[in-house]
């Protein structure tokens, strides 16, 4: 019972920390600082968050070995706002971006999902995949996030998916 109360108190505190003292327009964003680690290094340092049987086709891709640039990013985490991007092509998704918003790299999105998990102990939008700005060597768009883990996949830009969103962020 004591452990249950402790866990519940931790979760309530995390929710409070996430949403209190935010202007209404700022609700639904998770702020974190990126590191200089590459996507491949993030994978190596956080293997506990990746499925052991997942296909890591991207490990040696150019975008996976590129170093990160340290900066503060606000990652969109509101499920309600994320869903407006579903069932749309990339071109349709781009048109929904608001002023000041941009599409993340796969590296930055994975680091954001790792930071969110480490901060709150829960996976961020686990049943959704998100297109990123990165293109794989085969010309397909790199996506992150299916099956509740940071990971990768690739899709054509004209594909519409019921759980395929866009990795939207703002500079913090």
N, C-alpha and C. Protein backbone atom coordinates (compact mmCIF):
# COMPACT_ATOMS: atom_id res chain seq x y z
N UNK A 1 0.82 -1.19 0.00
CA UNK A 1 0.00 0.00 0.00
C UNK A 1 0.87 1.27 0.00
N UNK A 2 1.93 1.22 0.80
CA UNK A 2 2.82 2.38 0.89
C UNK A 2 3.50 2.63 -0.46
N UNK A 3 3.92 1.55 -1.15
CA UNK A 3 4.55 1.68 -2.46
C UNK A 3 3.56 2.24 -3.47
N UNK A 4 2.32 1.77 -3.41
CA UNK A 4 1.28 2.27 -4.30
C UNK A 4 1.07 3.77 -4.11
N UNK A 5 0.99 4.21 -2.88
CA UNK A 5 0.82 5.63 -2.59
C UNK A 5 2.04 6.43 -3.06
N UNK A 6 3.21 5.88 -2.85
CA UNK A 6 4.44 6.55 -3.29
C UNK A 6 4.45 6.70 -4.81
N UNK A 7 4.09 5.63 -5.53
CA UNK A 7 4.03 5.69 -7.00
C UNK A 7 2.99 6.69 -7.47
N UNK A 8 1.83 6.68 -6.83
CA UNK A 8 0.76 7.60 -7.19
C UNK A 8 1.18 9.05 -6.93
N UNK A 9 1.82 9.29 -5.80
CA UNK A 9 2.31 10.63 -5.48
C UNK A 9 3.32 11.09 -6.51
N UNK A 10 4.23 10.21 -6.92
CA UNK A 10 5.24 10.54 -7.94
C UNK A 10 4.58 10.91 -9.26
N UNK A 11 3.56 10.15 -9.65
CA UNK A 11 2.87 10.42 -10.92
C UNK A 11 2.10 11.74 -10.87
N UNK A 12 1.46 12.01 -9.75
CA UNK A 12 0.73 13.28 -9.59
C UNK A 12 1.71 14.45 -9.64
N UNK A 13 2.85 14.30 -8.96
CA UNK A 13 3.87 15.34 -8.96
C UNK A 13 4.39 15.58 -10.38
N UNK A 14 4.60 14.50 -11.13
CA UNK A 14 5.08 14.63 -12.51
C UNK A 14 4.06 15.36 -13.37
N UNK A 15 2.78 15.03 -13.22
CA UNK A 15 1.74 15.73 -13.96
C UNK A 15 1.70 17.20 -13.58
N UNK A 16 1.79 17.47 -12.31
CA UNK A 16 1.78 18.85 -11.82
C UNK A 16 2.95 19.62 -12.42
N UNK A 17 4.16 19.03 -12.34
CA UNK A 17 5.34 19.69 -12.88
C UNK A 17 5.22 19.95 -14.37
N UNK A 18 4.53 19.05 -15.08
CA UNK A 18 4.40 19.17 -16.52
C UNK A 18 3.46 20.30 -16.93
N UNK A 19 2.40 20.52 -16.17
CA UNK A 19 1.35 21.41 -16.66
C UNK A 19 1.10 22.67 -15.86
N UNK A 20 1.58 22.78 -14.65
CA UNK A 20 1.34 23.97 -13.84
C UNK A 20 2.29 25.07 -14.28
N UNK A 21 1.84 26.30 -14.14
CA UNK A 21 2.62 27.48 -14.50
C UNK A 21 2.92 27.58 -15.99
N UNK A 22 2.10 26.95 -16.82
CA UNK A 22 2.25 27.06 -18.27
C UNK A 22 1.11 27.91 -18.81
N UNK A 23 1.45 28.76 -19.74
CA UNK A 23 0.39 29.49 -20.43
C UNK A 23 -0.41 28.48 -21.23
N UNK A 24 -1.68 28.73 -21.49
CA UNK A 24 -2.52 27.76 -22.18
C UNK A 24 -1.90 27.33 -23.51
N UNK A 25 -1.32 28.26 -24.25
CA UNK A 25 -0.74 27.89 -25.54
C UNK A 25 0.49 27.00 -25.39
N UNK A 26 1.09 26.97 -24.20
CA UNK A 26 2.27 26.15 -23.97
C UNK A 26 1.93 24.75 -23.48
N UNK A 27 0.67 24.49 -23.16
CA UNK A 27 0.29 23.17 -22.70
C UNK A 27 0.52 22.16 -23.82
N UNK A 28 0.98 20.98 -23.47
CA UNK A 28 1.16 19.93 -24.46
C UNK A 28 2.54 19.86 -25.08
N UNK A 29 3.52 20.51 -24.45
CA UNK A 29 4.90 20.48 -24.94
C UNK A 29 5.80 19.94 -23.84
N UNK A 30 6.85 19.20 -24.23
CA UNK A 30 7.84 18.69 -23.30
C UNK A 30 9.18 19.34 -23.66
N UNK A 31 9.78 20.05 -22.70
CA UNK A 31 11.04 20.74 -22.95
C UNK A 31 12.21 19.90 -22.47
N UNK A 32 13.21 19.78 -23.31
CA UNK A 32 14.41 19.04 -22.95
C UNK A 32 15.61 19.65 -23.68
N UNK A 33 16.80 19.28 -23.25
CA UNK A 33 18.03 19.75 -23.87
C UNK A 33 18.69 18.60 -24.62
N UNK A 34 19.01 18.84 -25.86
CA UNK A 34 19.67 17.81 -26.65
C UNK A 34 21.16 17.77 -26.31
N UNK A 35 21.78 16.65 -26.63
CA UNK A 35 23.21 16.46 -26.38
C UNK A 35 23.95 16.42 -27.72
N UNK A 36 25.24 16.12 -27.65
CA UNK A 36 26.02 15.99 -28.88
C UNK A 36 26.06 14.54 -29.37
N UNK A 37 25.45 13.63 -28.62
CA UNK A 37 25.46 12.21 -29.01
C UNK A 37 24.74 12.01 -30.34
N UNK A 38 25.24 11.10 -31.13
CA UNK A 38 24.57 10.74 -32.39
C UNK A 38 23.40 9.81 -32.06
N UNK A 39 22.55 9.55 -33.04
CA UNK A 39 21.44 8.61 -32.84
C UNK A 39 21.99 7.22 -32.50
N UNK A 40 23.04 6.83 -33.18
CA UNK A 40 23.65 5.52 -32.90
C UNK A 40 24.17 5.47 -31.46
N UNK A 41 24.80 6.55 -30.98
CA UNK A 41 25.29 6.59 -29.60
C UNK A 41 24.13 6.57 -28.61
N UNK A 42 23.05 7.29 -28.92
CA UNK A 42 21.87 7.26 -28.05
C UNK A 42 21.33 5.84 -27.95
N UNK A 43 21.29 5.14 -29.07
CA UNK A 43 20.85 3.75 -29.07
C UNK A 43 21.75 2.89 -28.19
N UNK A 44 23.07 3.06 -28.34
CA UNK A 44 24.02 2.27 -27.55
C UNK A 44 23.90 2.55 -26.05
N UNK A 45 23.61 3.80 -25.69
CA UNK A 45 23.53 4.20 -24.28
C UNK A 45 22.17 3.88 -23.65
N UNK A 46 21.16 3.60 -24.46
CA UNK A 46 19.80 3.41 -23.94
C UNK A 46 19.15 2.15 -24.50
N UNK A 47 19.91 1.09 -24.65
CA UNK A 47 19.40 -0.14 -25.25
C UNK A 47 18.19 -0.69 -24.50
N UNK A 48 18.07 -0.38 -23.21
CA UNK A 48 16.93 -0.88 -22.43
C UNK A 48 15.60 -0.33 -22.94
N UNK A 49 15.63 0.73 -23.73
CA UNK A 49 14.39 1.31 -24.25
C UNK A 49 14.04 0.84 -25.66
N UNK A 50 14.90 0.06 -26.26
CA UNK A 50 14.67 -0.43 -27.61
C UNK A 50 14.27 -1.89 -27.56
N UNK A 51 13.38 -2.31 -28.45
CA UNK A 51 13.03 -3.72 -28.52
C UNK A 51 14.24 -4.52 -28.95
N UNK A 52 14.52 -5.66 -28.30
CA UNK A 52 15.71 -6.44 -28.67
C UNK A 52 15.64 -7.02 -30.07
N UNK A 53 14.45 -7.26 -30.61
CA UNK A 53 14.32 -7.86 -31.93
C UNK A 53 14.06 -6.83 -33.02
N UNK A 54 14.13 -5.56 -32.67
CA UNK A 54 13.83 -4.51 -33.65
C UNK A 54 14.90 -4.44 -34.74
N UNK A 55 14.48 -4.17 -35.95
CA UNK A 55 15.39 -4.05 -37.08
C UNK A 55 16.05 -2.68 -37.02
N UNK A 56 17.33 -2.65 -36.79
CA UNK A 56 18.06 -1.38 -36.70
C UNK A 56 18.72 -1.05 -38.04
N UNK A 57 17.93 -1.01 -39.09
CA UNK A 57 18.42 -0.73 -40.43
C UNK A 57 19.13 0.61 -40.51
N UNK A 58 18.82 1.51 -39.61
CA UNK A 58 19.28 2.88 -39.65
C UNK A 58 20.62 3.11 -38.95
N UNK A 59 21.14 2.11 -38.23
CA UNK A 59 22.32 2.30 -37.38
C UNK A 59 23.51 2.95 -38.08
N UNK A 60 23.73 2.63 -39.34
CA UNK A 60 24.88 3.17 -40.04
C UNK A 60 24.49 4.23 -41.08
N UNK A 61 23.24 4.64 -41.05
CA UNK A 61 22.79 5.70 -41.97
C UNK A 61 23.46 7.02 -41.62
N UNK A 62 23.59 7.88 -42.60
CA UNK A 62 24.25 9.18 -42.40
C UNK A 62 23.59 9.95 -41.26
N UNK A 63 22.28 9.96 -41.21
CA UNK A 63 21.60 10.72 -40.17
C UNK A 63 21.77 10.10 -38.78
N UNK A 64 22.13 8.81 -38.72
CA UNK A 64 22.29 8.12 -37.43
C UNK A 64 23.67 8.34 -36.81
N UNK A 65 24.64 8.67 -37.61
CA UNK A 65 26.00 8.86 -37.09
C UNK A 65 26.35 10.34 -36.94
N UNK A 66 25.47 11.23 -37.39
CA UNK A 66 25.68 12.67 -37.28
C UNK A 66 25.55 13.09 -35.80
N UNK A 67 26.46 13.90 -35.31
CA UNK A 67 26.41 14.38 -33.93
C UNK A 67 25.24 15.34 -33.73
N UNK A 68 24.74 15.37 -32.51
CA UNK A 68 23.68 16.30 -32.17
C UNK A 68 24.23 17.69 -31.89
N UNK A 69 23.34 18.66 -31.90
CA UNK A 69 23.71 20.04 -31.58
C UNK A 69 22.98 20.39 -30.29
N UNK A 70 23.71 20.70 -29.21
CA UNK A 70 23.04 21.01 -27.94
C UNK A 70 22.15 22.24 -28.07
N UNK A 71 20.88 22.06 -27.66
CA UNK A 71 19.92 23.17 -27.67
C UNK A 71 18.69 22.74 -26.88
N UNK A 72 17.89 23.71 -26.49
CA UNK A 72 16.65 23.44 -25.78
C UNK A 72 15.54 23.33 -26.81
N UNK A 73 14.78 22.24 -26.71
CA UNK A 73 13.70 21.97 -27.67
C UNK A 73 12.42 21.72 -26.89
N UNK A 74 11.31 22.16 -27.47
CA UNK A 74 9.99 21.86 -26.93
C UNK A 74 9.32 20.91 -27.91
N UNK A 75 9.15 19.68 -27.48
CA UNK A 75 8.57 18.62 -28.30
C UNK A 75 7.07 18.55 -28.05
N UNK A 76 6.28 18.52 -29.14
CA UNK A 76 4.83 18.42 -28.98
C UNK A 76 4.48 17.04 -28.44
N UNK A 77 3.77 17.01 -27.32
CA UNK A 77 3.40 15.74 -26.69
C UNK A 77 1.90 15.60 -26.49
N UNK A 78 1.14 16.60 -26.81
CA UNK A 78 -0.32 16.54 -26.65
C UNK A 78 -0.92 15.60 -27.69
N UNK A 79 -1.53 14.52 -27.23
CA UNK A 79 -2.14 13.55 -28.15
C UNK A 79 -3.21 14.20 -29.00
N UNK A 80 -3.94 15.13 -28.43
CA UNK A 80 -5.01 15.81 -29.18
C UNK A 80 -4.42 16.59 -30.35
N UNK A 81 -3.36 17.34 -30.11
CA UNK A 81 -2.74 18.13 -31.17
C UNK A 81 -1.99 17.25 -32.17
N UNK A 82 -1.40 16.16 -31.70
CA UNK A 82 -0.66 15.27 -32.58
C UNK A 82 -1.58 14.61 -33.60
N UNK A 83 -2.80 14.28 -33.19
CA UNK A 83 -3.73 13.54 -34.04
C UNK A 83 -4.16 14.31 -35.28
N UNK A 84 -4.06 15.63 -35.28
CA UNK A 84 -4.45 16.39 -36.48
C UNK A 84 -3.53 16.07 -37.66
N UNK A 85 -2.36 15.48 -37.37
CA UNK A 85 -1.41 15.15 -38.43
C UNK A 85 -1.64 13.76 -39.02
N UNK A 86 -2.47 12.94 -38.41
CA UNK A 86 -2.69 11.57 -38.87
C UNK A 86 -3.49 11.53 -40.17
N UNK A 87 -3.34 10.45 -40.92
CA UNK A 87 -4.06 10.22 -42.18
C UNK A 87 -3.80 11.30 -43.21
N UNK A 88 -2.59 11.84 -43.19
CA UNK A 88 -2.24 12.89 -44.14
C UNK A 88 -0.88 12.58 -44.77
N UNK A 89 -0.68 13.06 -45.98
CA UNK A 89 0.63 12.94 -46.62
C UNK A 89 1.58 13.93 -45.95
N UNK A 90 2.86 13.82 -46.24
CA UNK A 90 3.82 14.76 -45.66
C UNK A 90 3.50 16.19 -46.08
N UNK A 91 3.16 16.41 -47.35
CA UNK A 91 2.82 17.76 -47.80
C UNK A 91 1.65 18.34 -47.00
N UNK A 92 0.64 17.52 -46.75
CA UNK A 92 -0.51 17.99 -45.96
C UNK A 92 -0.11 18.27 -44.52
N UNK A 93 0.79 17.45 -43.99
CA UNK A 93 1.26 17.67 -42.62
C UNK A 93 2.08 18.96 -42.52
N UNK A 94 2.93 19.23 -43.50
CA UNK A 94 3.75 20.45 -43.49
C UNK A 94 2.87 21.70 -43.42
N UNK A 95 1.74 21.67 -44.12
CA UNK A 95 0.85 22.83 -44.16
C UNK A 95 0.20 23.13 -42.81
N UNK A 96 0.20 22.15 -41.91
CA UNK A 96 -0.40 22.34 -40.59
C UNK A 96 0.56 22.96 -39.56
N UNK A 97 1.84 23.06 -39.92
CA UNK A 97 2.80 23.65 -38.99
C UNK A 97 2.46 25.11 -38.75
N UNK A 98 2.54 25.51 -37.50
CA UNK A 98 2.29 26.90 -37.13
C UNK A 98 3.62 27.66 -37.10
N UNK A 99 3.52 28.97 -37.10
CA UNK A 99 4.71 29.81 -37.06
C UNK A 99 5.57 29.44 -35.85
N UNK A 100 6.87 29.28 -36.07
CA UNK A 100 7.79 28.93 -35.00
C UNK A 100 7.96 27.43 -34.79
N UNK A 101 7.15 26.61 -35.45
CA UNK A 101 7.27 25.16 -35.32
C UNK A 101 8.15 24.63 -36.45
N UNK A 102 8.82 23.52 -36.17
CA UNK A 102 9.66 22.87 -37.18
C UNK A 102 9.60 21.37 -36.98
N UNK A 103 10.12 20.63 -37.96
CA UNK A 103 10.13 19.17 -37.92
C UNK A 103 11.51 18.73 -37.41
N UNK A 104 11.49 17.83 -36.43
CA UNK A 104 12.73 17.36 -35.80
C UNK A 104 13.49 16.35 -36.66
N UNK A 105 14.77 16.21 -36.34
CA UNK A 105 15.55 15.11 -36.88
C UNK A 105 15.16 13.85 -36.11
N UNK A 106 15.46 12.69 -36.68
CA UNK A 106 15.20 11.43 -35.98
C UNK A 106 15.99 11.39 -34.67
N UNK A 107 17.22 11.88 -34.71
CA UNK A 107 18.08 11.90 -33.54
C UNK A 107 17.46 12.71 -32.41
N UNK A 108 17.00 13.92 -32.71
CA UNK A 108 16.41 14.77 -31.68
C UNK A 108 15.11 14.19 -31.14
N UNK A 109 14.30 13.59 -32.01
CA UNK A 109 13.05 12.99 -31.55
C UNK A 109 13.32 11.80 -30.63
N UNK A 110 14.27 10.94 -31.00
CA UNK A 110 14.60 9.80 -30.14
C UNK A 110 15.12 10.30 -28.80
N UNK A 111 15.97 11.32 -28.82
CA UNK A 111 16.48 11.84 -27.54
C UNK A 111 15.35 12.43 -26.71
N UNK A 112 14.40 13.09 -27.35
CA UNK A 112 13.24 13.62 -26.62
C UNK A 112 12.40 12.52 -26.02
N UNK A 113 12.19 11.44 -26.77
CA UNK A 113 11.41 10.31 -26.24
C UNK A 113 12.14 9.63 -25.08
N UNK A 114 13.46 9.55 -25.17
CA UNK A 114 14.25 8.98 -24.07
C UNK A 114 14.16 9.89 -22.85
N UNK A 115 14.33 11.20 -23.05
CA UNK A 115 14.26 12.15 -21.93
C UNK A 115 12.88 12.11 -21.27
N UNK A 116 11.83 12.01 -22.08
CA UNK A 116 10.47 11.95 -21.54
C UNK A 116 10.30 10.69 -20.69
N UNK A 117 10.78 9.56 -21.21
CA UNK A 117 10.67 8.31 -20.47
C UNK A 117 11.47 8.37 -19.17
N UNK A 118 12.67 8.91 -19.22
CA UNK A 118 13.50 9.01 -18.01
C UNK A 118 12.87 9.97 -17.00
N UNK A 119 12.19 11.01 -17.48
CA UNK A 119 11.57 11.98 -16.57
C UNK A 119 10.28 11.47 -15.94
N UNK A 120 9.45 10.77 -16.71
CA UNK A 120 8.11 10.42 -16.25
C UNK A 120 7.83 8.94 -16.13
N UNK A 121 8.76 8.09 -16.60
CA UNK A 121 8.57 6.66 -16.48
C UNK A 121 7.49 6.09 -17.37
N UNK A 122 7.13 6.81 -18.42
CA UNK A 122 6.13 6.31 -19.37
C UNK A 122 6.57 6.66 -20.78
N UNK A 123 6.13 5.83 -21.70
CA UNK A 123 6.49 6.04 -23.10
C UNK A 123 5.60 7.14 -23.69
N UNK A 124 6.20 7.95 -24.52
CA UNK A 124 5.51 9.08 -25.13
C UNK A 124 4.79 8.62 -26.39
N UNK A 125 3.46 8.74 -26.41
CA UNK A 125 2.63 8.38 -27.55
C UNK A 125 3.12 7.07 -28.18
N UNK A 126 3.01 5.97 -27.42
CA UNK A 126 3.65 4.70 -27.80
C UNK A 126 3.10 4.03 -29.05
N UNK A 127 1.89 4.33 -29.46
CA UNK A 127 1.31 3.63 -30.61
C UNK A 127 1.36 4.46 -31.89
N UNK A 128 2.20 5.49 -31.89
CA UNK A 128 2.28 6.39 -33.04
C UNK A 128 3.68 6.40 -33.62
N UNK A 129 3.76 6.63 -34.91
CA UNK A 129 5.03 6.85 -35.56
C UNK A 129 5.07 8.30 -36.03
N UNK A 130 6.26 8.87 -36.10
CA UNK A 130 6.38 10.28 -36.47
C UNK A 130 7.42 10.46 -37.56
N UNK A 131 7.00 11.12 -38.64
CA UNK A 131 7.95 11.46 -39.70
C UNK A 131 8.93 12.49 -39.15
N UNK A 132 10.16 12.38 -39.61
CA UNK A 132 11.19 13.35 -39.22
C UNK A 132 11.69 14.05 -40.48
N UNK A 133 12.63 14.93 -40.31
CA UNK A 133 13.20 15.65 -41.43
C UNK A 133 14.21 14.80 -42.21
N UNK A 134 14.66 13.70 -41.59
CA UNK A 134 15.72 12.87 -42.18
C UNK A 134 15.22 11.94 -43.28
N UNK A 135 16.09 11.76 -44.28
CA UNK A 135 15.83 10.87 -45.40
C UNK A 135 16.88 9.75 -45.37
N UNK A 136 16.43 8.52 -45.48
CA UNK A 136 17.35 7.37 -45.52
C UNK A 136 18.01 7.29 -46.89
N UNK A 137 19.06 6.49 -47.00
CA UNK A 137 19.79 6.39 -48.26
C UNK A 137 18.94 5.82 -49.39
N UNK A 138 17.86 5.09 -49.06
CA UNK A 138 16.98 4.55 -50.10
C UNK A 138 15.92 5.56 -50.55
N UNK A 139 15.97 6.78 -49.98
CA UNK A 139 15.05 7.84 -50.37
C UNK A 139 13.77 7.91 -49.54
N UNK A 140 13.59 6.98 -48.63
CA UNK A 140 12.40 7.00 -47.78
C UNK A 140 12.61 7.90 -46.57
N UNK A 141 11.51 8.42 -46.06
CA UNK A 141 11.52 9.28 -44.88
C UNK A 141 11.78 8.44 -43.64
N UNK A 142 12.66 8.90 -42.76
CA UNK A 142 12.91 8.21 -41.49
C UNK A 142 11.80 8.57 -40.51
N UNK A 143 11.22 7.56 -39.89
CA UNK A 143 10.19 7.78 -38.87
C UNK A 143 10.66 7.18 -37.55
N UNK A 144 10.06 7.64 -36.47
CA UNK A 144 10.43 7.17 -35.14
C UNK A 144 9.17 6.87 -34.35
N UNK A 145 9.19 5.74 -33.63
CA UNK A 145 8.22 5.59 -32.58
C UNK A 145 7.24 4.46 -32.57
N UNK A 146 7.10 3.63 -33.57
CA UNK A 146 6.12 2.55 -33.50
C UNK A 146 6.49 1.54 -32.42
N UNK A 147 5.53 0.82 -31.92
CA UNK A 147 5.69 -0.26 -30.95
C UNK A 147 6.27 0.21 -29.63
N UNK A 148 5.93 1.41 -29.23
CA UNK A 148 6.21 1.97 -27.91
C UNK A 148 7.68 2.14 -27.56
N UNK A 149 8.55 2.16 -28.53
CA UNK A 149 9.97 2.37 -28.24
C UNK A 149 10.55 3.39 -29.21
N UNK A 150 11.60 4.09 -28.80
CA UNK A 150 12.31 4.85 -29.81
C UNK A 150 12.85 3.84 -30.82
N UNK A 151 12.73 4.11 -32.05
CA UNK A 151 13.19 3.18 -33.06
C UNK A 151 13.11 3.83 -34.42
N UNK A 152 13.12 3.05 -35.43
CA UNK A 152 13.09 3.63 -36.76
C UNK A 152 12.27 2.81 -37.71
N UNK A 153 11.90 3.44 -38.76
CA UNK A 153 11.18 2.81 -39.85
C UNK A 153 11.32 3.76 -41.02
N UNK A 154 10.77 3.41 -42.15
CA UNK A 154 10.84 4.36 -43.26
C UNK A 154 9.56 4.26 -44.09
N UNK A 155 9.11 5.41 -44.55
CA UNK A 155 7.86 5.52 -45.30
C UNK A 155 8.02 6.53 -46.41
N UNK A 156 7.21 6.35 -47.43
CA UNK A 156 7.17 7.32 -48.50
C UNK A 156 6.39 8.54 -48.04
N UNK A 157 6.72 9.68 -48.58
CA UNK A 157 6.10 10.92 -48.15
C UNK A 157 4.63 11.03 -48.55
N UNK A 158 4.20 10.27 -49.57
CA UNK A 158 2.80 10.37 -49.99
C UNK A 158 1.90 9.35 -49.28
N UNK A 159 2.46 8.59 -48.37
CA UNK A 159 1.68 7.59 -47.63
C UNK A 159 0.87 8.26 -46.52
N UNK A 160 -0.36 7.78 -46.34
CA UNK A 160 -1.22 8.25 -45.26
C UNK A 160 -1.34 7.10 -44.26
N UNK A 161 -1.11 7.40 -43.00
CA UNK A 161 -1.21 6.35 -41.99
C UNK A 161 -2.08 6.82 -40.84
N UNK A 162 -2.92 5.93 -40.29
CA UNK A 162 -3.81 6.32 -39.20
C UNK A 162 -3.07 6.68 -37.92
N UNK A 163 -1.83 6.23 -37.77
CA UNK A 163 -1.03 6.57 -36.59
C UNK A 163 0.33 7.14 -36.99
N UNK A 164 0.38 7.77 -38.14
CA UNK A 164 1.64 8.33 -38.64
C UNK A 164 1.55 9.84 -38.61
N UNK A 165 2.25 10.43 -37.63
CA UNK A 165 2.22 11.87 -37.46
C UNK A 165 3.48 12.54 -37.93
N UNK A 166 3.70 13.74 -37.45
CA UNK A 166 4.86 14.54 -37.81
C UNK A 166 5.55 14.96 -36.52
N UNK A 167 6.88 14.87 -36.46
CA UNK A 167 7.66 15.21 -35.26
C UNK A 167 7.80 16.73 -35.16
N UNK A 168 6.86 17.36 -34.46
CA UNK A 168 6.77 18.81 -34.39
C UNK A 168 7.43 19.32 -33.11
N UNK A 169 8.19 20.41 -33.26
CA UNK A 169 8.87 21.01 -32.11
C UNK A 169 8.94 22.52 -32.27
N UNK A 170 9.36 23.16 -31.20
CA UNK A 170 9.67 24.60 -31.20
C UNK A 170 10.99 24.76 -30.43
N UNK A 171 11.66 25.85 -30.66
CA UNK A 171 12.85 26.16 -29.87
C UNK A 171 12.38 26.69 -28.53
N UNK A 172 12.97 26.19 -27.45
CA UNK A 172 12.57 26.63 -26.10
C UNK A 172 13.20 27.96 -25.76
